Amino acid sequence: MKKLLLLASILLSVCSLFAQQLEGTFKNGLDSLAFTNDKATFRLTGFAGLSVAQVGEGSYELADNFLLIHTTDYSGLKSSSQTLEGSRKDTCVVKVVGSYNYPIQTILVESRNKSNKLVEGKVTDSEGKIYLSVNDKMTSIAVSAMGYNAIAFDYTPDKDYLVRLAENEIIEQRTVVFTIDLIDDETISLLLLTDDFDAGKNRGNELKKLEKKARKSNLLDKRLKKVYVPYERKI
């Protein structure tokens, strides 16, 4: 009986310590995961391939060693489009720029029909421009590139467009799942299992399947250390 009580005490103290660690901000370089009240905000690179950063925010929950973040609409900078007066007959000009208005080349721009099927696709030139042939099938335009927030918008005849792309892959309205482990009092280990989790009929089993698949693929975790904000005494 004493052994059982001792084990229970140890487990409770570990859980309590871990819960305390989910307050504040954990960082490693530009990677970060912040917990504020019941909300989590993240910017993490490497999991999606190359140095692409994935960002998102939303409510979170812990299930054993799994961290689930139920993302909502992202409050940070996102891609946007601006309608301009058409400059060419039977041609739609799309110019793509970055957050600071510099042109971006090799961005994929696609015209699509009402069924969202591809009509035409091209990549932007050195001036960030693309020239799409206008026809009756064209109803929308999609702009995308690795490392940027993809955007799609309705096409209006006789109009050109200026698209301002925001950096990072933004995750919204999806559940992101990580494994999370406490390395020490200030360090956590994270491994992204999926950025679009479907719980199915048995969430526990689905989570274990994801973890098993990740470990089998020898995916590397990330270690982030808690950042302490210096206390400023008010006079």
C-alpha atoms as a PDB file:
ATOM      1  CA  MET A   1       0.000   0.000   0.000  1.00  0.00           C
ATOM      2  CA  LYS A   2       2.856   2.375   0.887  1.00  0.00           C
ATOM      3  CA  LYS A   3       4.524   1.618  -2.444  1.00  0.00           C
ATOM      4  CA  LEU A   4       1.322   2.427  -4.300  1.00  0.00           C
ATOM      5  CA  LEU A   5       0.948   5.715  -2.428  1.00  0.00           C
ATOM      6  CA  LEU A   6       4.577   6.595  -3.138  1.00  0.00           C
ATOM      7  CA  LEU A   7       4.143   5.853  -6.860  1.00  0.00           C
ATOM      8  CA  ALA A   8       0.972   7.922  -7.004  1.00  0.00           C
ATOM      9  CA  SER A   9       2.746  10.794  -5.266  1.00  0.00           C
ATOM     10  CA  ILE A  10       5.607  10.698  -7.756  1.00  0.00           C
ATOM     11  CA  LEU A  11       3.242  10.642 -10.723  1.00  0.00           C
ATOM     12  CA  LEU A  12       1.256  13.554  -9.369  1.00  0.00           C
ATOM     13  CA  SER A  13       4.386  15.619  -8.764  1.00  0.00           C
ATOM     14  CA  VAL A  14       5.632  14.938 -12.322  1.00  0.00           C
ATOM     15  CA  CYS A  15       2.246  15.882 -13.800  1.00  0.00           C
ATOM     16  CA  SER A  16       2.175  19.027 -11.681  1.00  0.00           C
ATOM     17  CA  LEU A  17       5.674  20.011 -12.766  1.00  0.00           C
ATOM     18  CA  PHE A  18       4.853  19.394 -16.426  1.00  0.00           C
ATOM     19  CA  ALA A  19       1.672  21.427 -16.172  1.00  0.00           C
ATOM     20  CA  GLN A  20       3.669  24.323 -14.776  1.00  0.00           C
ATOM     21  CA  GLN A  21       5.999  24.158 -17.764  1.00  0.00           C
ATOM     22  CA  LEU A  22       3.082  24.835 -20.101  1.00  0.00           C
ATOM     23  CA  GLU A  23       3.051  28.451 -19.059  1.00  0.00           C
ATOM     24  CA  GLY A  24       5.272  30.893 -20.862  1.00  0.00           C
ATOM     25  CA  THR A  25       7.353  30.730 -24.033  1.00  0.00           C
ATOM     26  CA  PHE A  26       9.779  28.050 -25.219  1.00  0.00           C
ATOM     27  CA  LYS A  27      12.313  28.943 -27.917  1.00  0.00           C
ATOM     28  CA  ASN A  28      15.194  27.619 -29.976  1.00  0.00           C
ATOM     29  CA  GLY A  29      16.495  30.193 -32.435  1.00  0.00           C
ATOM     30  CA  LEU A  30      13.495  31.395 -34.436  1.00  0.00           C
ATOM     31  CA  ASP A  31      11.387  28.413 -33.390  1.00  0.00           C
ATOM     32  CA  SER A  32       8.909  29.100 -30.615  1.00  0.00           C
ATOM     33  CA  LEU A  33       5.932  27.658 -28.773  1.00  0.00           C
ATOM     34  CA  ALA A  34       4.089  29.932 -26.365  1.00  0.00           C
ATOM     35  CA  PHE A  35       1.358  29.131 -23.860  1.00  0.00           C
ATOM     36  CA  THR A  36      -0.879  31.885 -22.532  1.00  0.00           C
ATOM     37  CA  ASN A  37      -3.835  30.848 -20.402  1.00  0.00           C
ATOM     38  CA  ASP A  38      -5.696  28.305 -22.574  1.00  0.00           C
ATOM     39  CA  LYS A  39      -4.081  29.350 -25.854  1.00  0.00           C
ATOM     40  CA  ALA A  40      -0.991  28.088 -27.682  1.00  0.00           C
ATOM     41  CA  THR A  41       0.880  29.905 -30.451  1.00  0.00           C
ATOM     42  CA  PHE A  42       3.672  28.280 -32.466  1.00  0.00           C
ATOM     43  CA  ARG A  43       6.247  28.964 -35.153  1.00  0.00           C
ATOM     44  CA  LEU A  44       8.274  25.891 -35.971  1.00  0.00           C
ATOM     45  CA  THR A  45      10.597  25.014 -38.850  1.00  0.00           C
ATOM     46  CA  GLY A  46      11.945  21.788 -40.267  1.00  0.00           C
ATOM     47  CA  PHE A  47       8.933  19.551 -39.735  1.00  0.00           C
ATOM     48  CA  ALA A  48       7.356  20.456 -43.104  1.00  0.00           C
ATOM     49  CA  GLY A  49      10.609  19.986 -45.006  1.00  0.00           C
ATOM     50  CA  LEU A  50      13.621  22.216 -45.656  1.00  0.00           C
ATOM     51  CA  SER A  51      13.415  25.419 -43.622  1.00  0.00           C
ATOM     52  CA  VAL A  52       9.710  26.118 -44.132  1.00  0.00           C
ATOM     53  CA  ALA A  53       8.108  27.594 -41.042  1.00  0.00           C
ATOM     54  CA  GLN A  54       4.650  26.485 -39.941  1.00  0.00           C
ATOM     55  CA  VAL A  55       2.680  28.893 -37.774  1.00  0.00           C
ATOM     56  CA  GLY A  56      -0.668  28.751 -36.007  1.00  0.00           C
ATOM     57  CA  GLU A  57      -2.597  29.449 -32.841  1.00  0.00           C
ATOM     58  CA  GLY A  58      -5.563  28.087 -30.931  1.00  0.00           C
ATOM     59  CA  SER A  59      -6.720  26.204 -27.882  1.00  0.00           C
ATOM     60  CA  TYR A  60      -4.691  23.227 -26.713  1.00  0.00           C
ATOM     61  CA  GLU A  61      -4.962  20.087 -24.643  1.00  0.00           C
ATOM     62  CA  LEU A  62      -2.643  17.398 -23.316  1.00  0.00           C
ATOM     63  CA  ALA A  63      -3.376  13.698 -23.717  1.00  0.00           C
ATOM     64  CA  ASP A  64      -0.636  11.600 -22.117  1.00  0.00           C
ATOM     65  CA  ASN A  65       2.526  12.688 -23.990  1.00  0.00           C
ATOM     66  CA  PHE A  66       0.566  14.261 -26.853  1.00  0.00           C
ATOM     67  CA  LEU A  67      -0.008  17.981 -27.337  1.00  0.00           C
ATOM     68  CA  LEU A  68      -3.039  18.816 -29.487  1.00  0.00           C
ATOM     69  CA  ILE A  69      -3.483  22.384 -30.737  1.00  0.00           C
ATOM     70  CA  HIS A  70      -6.887  23.124 -32.245  1.00  0.00           C
ATOM     71  CA  THR A  71      -5.996  26.008 -34.545  1.00  0.00           C
ATOM     72  CA  THR A  72      -8.355  28.903 -35.194  1.00  0.00           C
ATOM     73  CA  ASP A  73      -8.067  31.865 -37.582  1.00  0.00           C
ATOM     74  CA  TYR A  74      -4.502  33.166 -37.515  1.00  0.00           C
ATOM     75  CA  SER A  75      -4.212  36.690 -36.117  1.00  0.00           C
ATOM     76  CA  GLY A  76      -0.794  37.391 -37.648  1.00  0.00           C
ATOM     77  CA  LEU A  77       0.148  38.622 -41.117  1.00  0.00           C
ATOM     78  CA  LYS A  78      -1.530  36.667 -43.947  1.00  0.00           C
ATOM     79  CA  SER A  79      -1.447  36.860 -47.746  1.00  0.00           C
ATOM     80  CA  SER A  80      -3.850  39.272 -49.431  1.00  0.00           C
ATOM     81  CA  SER A  81      -4.988  40.321 -52.916  1.00  0.00           C
ATOM     82  CA  GLN A  82      -5.892  43.712 -54.372  1.00  0.00           C
ATOM     83  CA  THR A  83      -8.034  44.275 -57.454  1.00  0.00           C
ATOM     84  CA  LEU A  84      -6.674  46.644 -60.139  1.00  0.00           C
ATOM     85  CA  GLU A  85      -8.116  47.949 -63.383  1.00  0.00           C
ATOM     86  CA  GLY A  86      -7.311  45.652 -66.296  1.00  0.00           C
ATOM     87  CA  SER A  87      -4.376  46.755 -68.437  1.00  0.00           C
ATOM     88  CA  ARG A  88      -4.584  44.242 -71.306  1.00  0.00           C
ATOM     89  CA  LYS A  89      -7.373  42.859 -73.443  1.00  0.00           C
ATOM     90  CA  ASP A  90      -8.039  39.106 -72.999  1.00  0.00           C
ATOM     91  CA  THR A  91      -5.171  38.915 -70.474  1.00  0.00           C
ATOM     92  CA  CYS A  92      -5.134  39.037 -66.685  1.00  0.00           C
ATOM     93  CA  VAL A  93      -1.935  40.399 -65.173  1.00  0.00           C
ATOM     94  CA  VAL A  94      -1.062  39.160 -61.693  1.00  0.00           C
ATOM     95  CA  LYS A  95       1.857  40.731 -59.859  1.00  0.00           C
ATOM     96  CA  VAL A  96       3.182  39.046 -56.722  1.00  0.00           C
ATOM     97  CA  VAL A  97       5.148  40.946 -54.088  1.00  0.00           C
ATOM     98  CA  GLY A  98       6.422  40.221 -50.591  1.00  0.00           C
ATOM     99  CA  SER A  99       5.564  41.869 -47.301  1.00  0.00           C
ATOM    100  CA  TYR A 100       7.847  44.821 -48.134  1.00  0.00           C
ATOM    101  CA  ASN A 101       6.519  45.219 -51.705  1.00  0.00           C
ATOM    102  CA  TYR A 102       9.504  43.656 -53.468  1.00  0.00           C
ATOM    103  CA  PRO A 103       8.593  41.431 -56.470  1.00  0.00           C
ATOM    104  CA  ILE A 104       8.872  37.672 -55.981  1.00  0.00           C
ATOM    105  CA  GLN A 105       9.762  35.406 -58.887  1.00  0.00           C
ATOM    106  CA  THR A 106       9.067  31.681 -59.490  1.00  0.00           C
ATOM    107  CA  ILE A 107       5.733  31.851 -57.641  1.00  0.00           C
ATOM    108  CA  LEU A 108       3.088  29.496 -59.028  1.00  0.00           C
ATOM    109  CA  VAL A 109      -0.053  31.281 -60.246  1.00  0.00           C
ATOM    110  CA  GLU A 110      -2.991  29.205 -61.493  1.00  0.00           C
ATOM    111  CA  SER A 111      -6.351  30.040 -63.011  1.00  0.00           C
ATOM    112  CA  ARG A 112      -9.122  27.613 -62.069  1.00  0.00           C
ATOM    113  CA  ASN A 113     -12.688  26.862 -63.134  1.00  0.00           C
ATOM    114  CA  LYS A 114     -15.808  26.656 -60.964  1.00  0.00           C
ATOM    115  CA  SER A 115     -14.954  23.031 -60.107  1.00  0.00           C
ATOM    116  CA  ASN A 116     -11.520  24.218 -58.913  1.00  0.00           C
ATOM    117  CA  LYS A 117      -9.809  22.388 -61.759  1.00  0.00           C
ATOM    118  CA  LEU A 118      -6.700  23.847 -63.374  1.00  0.00           C
ATOM    119  CA  VAL A 119      -7.205  25.982 -66.461  1.00  0.00           C
ATOM    120  CA  GLU A 120      -3.716  27.449 -66.787  1.00  0.00           C
ATOM    121  CA  GLY A 121      -0.624  27.652 -64.608  1.00  0.00           C
ATOM    122  CA  LYS A 122       2.555  29.726 -64.845  1.00  0.00           C
ATOM    123  CA  VAL A 123       5.337  31.024 -62.596  1.00  0.00           C
ATOM    124  CA  THR A 124       6.149  34.688 -62.038  1.00  0.00           C
ATOM    125  CA  ASP A 125       9.035  36.370 -63.838  1.00  0.00           C
ATOM    126  CA  SER A 126      11.793  38.569 -62.401  1.00  0.00           C
ATOM    127  CA  GLU A 127       9.265  41.400 -61.978  1.00  0.00           C
ATOM    128  CA  GLY A 128       6.927  39.150 -60.029  1.00  0.00           C
ATOM    129  CA  LYS A 129       4.409  39.159 -62.888  1.00  0.00           C
ATOM    130  CA  ILE A 130       2.396  36.522 -64.704  1.00  0.00           C
ATOM    131  CA  TYR A 131       0.074  36.868 -67.705  1.00  0.00           C
ATOM    132  CA  LEU A 132      -2.955  34.595 -67.720  1.00  0.00           C
ATOM    133  CA  SER A 133      -5.119  34.052 -70.793  1.00  0.00           C
ATOM    134  CA  VAL A 134      -8.707  34.974 -70.026  1.00  0.00           C
ATOM    135  CA  ASN A 135     -11.545  32.645 -71.052  1.00  0.00           C
ATOM    136  CA  ASP A 136     -15.081  31.783 -69.943  1.00  0.00           C
ATOM    137  CA  LYS A 137     -13.881  28.862 -67.790  1.00  0.00           C
ATOM    138  CA  MET A 138     -11.753  31.036 -65.520  1.00  0.00           C
ATOM    139  CA  THR A 139     -13.481  31.774 -62.180  1.00  0.00           C
ATOM    140  CA  SER A 140     -10.658  31.975 -59.608  1.00  0.00           C
ATOM    141  CA  ILE A 141      -6.927  32.462 -59.190  1.00  0.00           C
ATOM    142  CA  ALA A 142      -4.636  30.574 -56.795  1.00  0.00           C
ATOM    143  CA  VAL A 143      -1.138  31.723 -55.789  1.00  0.00           C
ATOM    144  CA  SER A 144       1.261  29.458 -53.902  1.00  0.00           C
ATOM    145  CA  ALA A 145       4.913  28.670 -53.197  1.00  0.00           C
ATOM    146  CA  MET A 146       6.851  26.751 -50.585  1.00  0.00           C
ATOM    147  CA  GLY A 147       7.506  28.935 -47.574  1.00  0.00           C
ATOM    148  CA  TYR A 148       4.585  31.287 -48.199  1.00  0.00           C
ATOM    149  CA  ASN A 149       0.950  31.508 -47.127  1.00  0.00           C
ATOM    150  CA  ALA A 150      -1.022  30.285 -50.173  1.00  0.00           C
ATOM    151  CA  ILE A 151      -4.024  32.330 -51.276  1.00  0.00           C
ATOM    152  CA  ALA A 152      -6.967  31.849 -53.655  1.00  0.00           C
ATOM    153  CA  PHE A 153      -9.540  34.449 -54.703  1.00  0.00           C
ATOM    154  CA  ASP A 154     -12.390  34.943 -57.181  1.00  0.00           C
ATOM    155  CA  TYR A 155     -11.583  36.261 -60.642  1.00  0.00           C
ATOM    156  CA  THR A 156     -13.480  39.284 -62.000  1.00  0.00           C
ATOM    157  CA  PRO A 157     -13.335  39.917 -65.779  1.00  0.00           C
ATOM    158  CA  ASP A 158     -11.330  42.941 -66.976  1.00  0.00           C
ATOM    159  CA  LYS A 159      -9.375  43.131 -63.723  1.00  0.00           C
ATOM    160  CA  ASP A 160      -5.699  42.688 -62.847  1.00  0.00           C
ATOM    161  CA  TYR A 161      -4.415  41.735 -59.403  1.00  0.00           C
ATOM    162  CA  LEU A 162      -1.688  42.630 -56.972  1.00  0.00           C
ATOM    163  CA  VAL A 163      -0.974  39.774 -54.559  1.00  0.00           C
ATOM    164  CA  ARG A 164       1.014  40.361 -51.390  1.00  0.00           C
ATOM    165  CA  LEU A 165       2.358  37.050 -50.066  1.00  0.00           C
ATOM    166  CA  ALA A 166       3.078  36.564 -46.387  1.00  0.00           C
ATOM    167  CA  GLU A 167       5.877  34.242 -45.380  1.00  0.00           C
ATOM    168  CA  ASN A 168       5.310  30.956 -43.534  1.00  0.00           C
ATOM    169  CA  GLU A 169       2.793  28.160 -43.976  1.00  0.00           C
ATOM    170  CA  ILE A 170      -0.220  29.200 -41.922  1.00  0.00           C
ATOM    171  CA  ILE A 171      -2.306  26.438 -40.341  1.00  0.00           C
ATOM    172  CA  GLU A 172      -5.930  27.303 -39.593  1.00  0.00           C
ATOM    173  CA  GLN A 173      -9.033  25.344 -38.601  1.00  0.00           C
ATOM    174  CA  ARG A 174      -7.059  22.108 -38.239  1.00  0.00           C
ATOM    175  CA  THR A 175      -5.781  20.122 -35.275  1.00  0.00           C
ATOM    176  CA  VAL A 176      -2.000  19.891 -34.995  1.00  0.00           C
ATOM    177  CA  VAL A 177      -0.526  17.040 -32.965  1.00  0.00           C
ATOM    178  CA  PHE A 178       2.927  16.841 -31.365  1.00  0.00           C
ATOM    179  CA  THR A 179       4.540  14.444 -28.973  1.00  0.00           C
ATOM    180  CA  ILE A 180       5.826  16.513 -26.060  1.00  0.00           C
ATOM    181  CA  ASP A 181       8.287  15.420 -23.389  1.00  0.00           C
ATOM    182  CA  LEU A 182       9.823  17.232 -20.440  1.00  0.00           C
ATOM    183  CA  ILE A 183      13.626  16.993 -20.646  1.00  0.00           C
ATOM    184  CA  ASP A 184      14.292  19.070 -17.541  1.00  0.00           C
ATOM    185  CA  ASP A 185      12.708  21.934 -15.623  1.00  0.00           C
ATOM    186  CA  GLU A 186      13.237  24.332 -18.538  1.00  0.00           C
ATOM    187  CA  THR A 187      13.402  22.186 -21.682  1.00  0.00           C
ATOM    188  CA  ILE A 188      10.751  20.409 -23.741  1.00  0.00           C
ATOM    189  CA  SER A 189      11.100  18.040 -26.675  1.00  0.00           C
ATOM    190  CA  LEU A 190       8.618  18.321 -29.575  1.00  0.00           C
ATOM    191  CA  LEU A 191       7.924  16.095 -32.562  1.00  0.00           C
ATOM    192  CA  LEU A 192       5.230  17.005 -35.089  1.00  0.00           C
ATOM    193  CA  LEU A 193       3.033  14.006 -35.905  1.00  0.00           C
ATOM    194  CA  THR A 194       0.455  15.704 -38.136  1.00  0.00           C
ATOM    195  CA  ASP A 195      -0.879  19.156 -38.981  1.00  0.00           C
ATOM    196  CA  ASP A 196      -4.347  17.831 -39.885  1.00  0.00           C
ATOM    197  CA  PHE A 197      -5.448  15.288 -37.297  1.00  0.00           C
ATOM    198  CA  ASP A 198      -8.555  13.157 -37.767  1.00  0.00           C
ATOM    199  CA  ALA A 199      -9.443  11.553 -34.433  1.00  0.00           C
ATOM    200  CA  GLY A 200     -11.717   8.910 -35.950  1.00  0.00           C
ATOM    201  CA  LYS A 201     -13.682   6.666 -33.608  1.00  0.00           C
ATOM    202  CA  ASN A 202     -10.812   6.048 -31.203  1.00  0.00           C
ATOM    203  CA  ARG A 203      -8.595   9.072 -30.674  1.00  0.00           C
ATOM    204  CA  GLY A 204      -6.147   7.266 -28.425  1.00  0.00           C
ATOM    205  CA  ASN A 205      -5.425   4.571 -30.985  1.00  0.00           C
ATOM    206  CA  GLU A 206      -5.018   7.121 -33.788  1.00  0.00           C
ATOM    207  CA  LEU A 207      -2.517   9.099 -31.727  1.00  0.00           C
ATOM    208  CA  LYS A 208      -0.474   5.986 -30.979  1.00  0.00           C
ATOM    209  CA  LYS A 209      -0.470   5.050 -34.674  1.00  0.00           C
ATOM    210  CA  LEU A 210       0.860   8.480 -35.584  1.00  0.00           C
ATOM    211  CA  GLU A 211       3.619   8.266 -32.997  1.00  0.00           C
ATOM    212  CA  LYS A 212       4.619   4.774 -34.116  1.00  0.00           C
ATOM    213  CA  LYS A 213       4.799   5.931 -37.738  1.00  0.00           C
ATOM    214  CA  ALA A 214       6.939   8.949 -36.806  1.00  0.00           C
ATOM    215  CA  ARG A 215       9.372   6.866 -34.746  1.00  0.00           C
ATOM    216  CA  LYS A 216       9.607   4.280 -37.507  1.00  0.00           C
ATOM    217  CA  SER A 217      10.522   7.041 -39.960  1.00  0.00           C
ATOM    218  CA  ASN A 218      13.278   8.223 -37.578  1.00  0.00           C
ATOM    219  CA  LEU A 219      11.949  11.761 -37.529  1.00  0.00           C
ATOM    220  CA  LEU A 220      13.947  14.134 -35.349  1.00  0.00           C
ATOM    221  CA  ASP A 221      12.393  16.042 -32.486  1.00  0.00           C
ATOM    222  CA  LYS A 222      13.089  19.644 -31.534  1.00  0.00           C
ATOM    223  CA  ARG A 223      14.220  20.895 -28.151  1.00  0.00           C
ATOM    224  CA  LEU A 224      13.021  24.258 -26.956  1.00  0.00           C
ATOM    225  CA  LYS A 225      14.059  26.028 -23.779  1.00  0.00           C
ATOM    226  CA  LYS A 226      11.850  28.215 -21.631  1.00  0.00           C
ATOM    227  CA  VAL A 227      12.453  31.942 -21.938  1.00  0.00           C
ATOM    228  CA  TYR A 228      12.186  34.047 -18.810  1.00  0.00           C
ATOM    229  CA  VAL A 229      11.112  37.659 -19.147  1.00  0.00           C
ATOM    230  CA  PRO A 230      13.108  39.916 -16.779  1.00  0.00           C
ATOM    231  CA  TYR A 231      11.004  41.371 -14.008  1.00  0.00           C
ATOM    232  CA  GLU A 232      10.667  45.136 -14.193  1.00  0.00           C
ATOM    233  CA  ARG A 233       9.926  46.802 -10.905  1.00  0.00           C
ATOM    234  CA  LYS A 234       7.334  49.544 -11.140  1.00  0.00           C
ATOM    235  CA  ILE A 235       8.202  52.770  -9.366  1.00  0.00           C
END
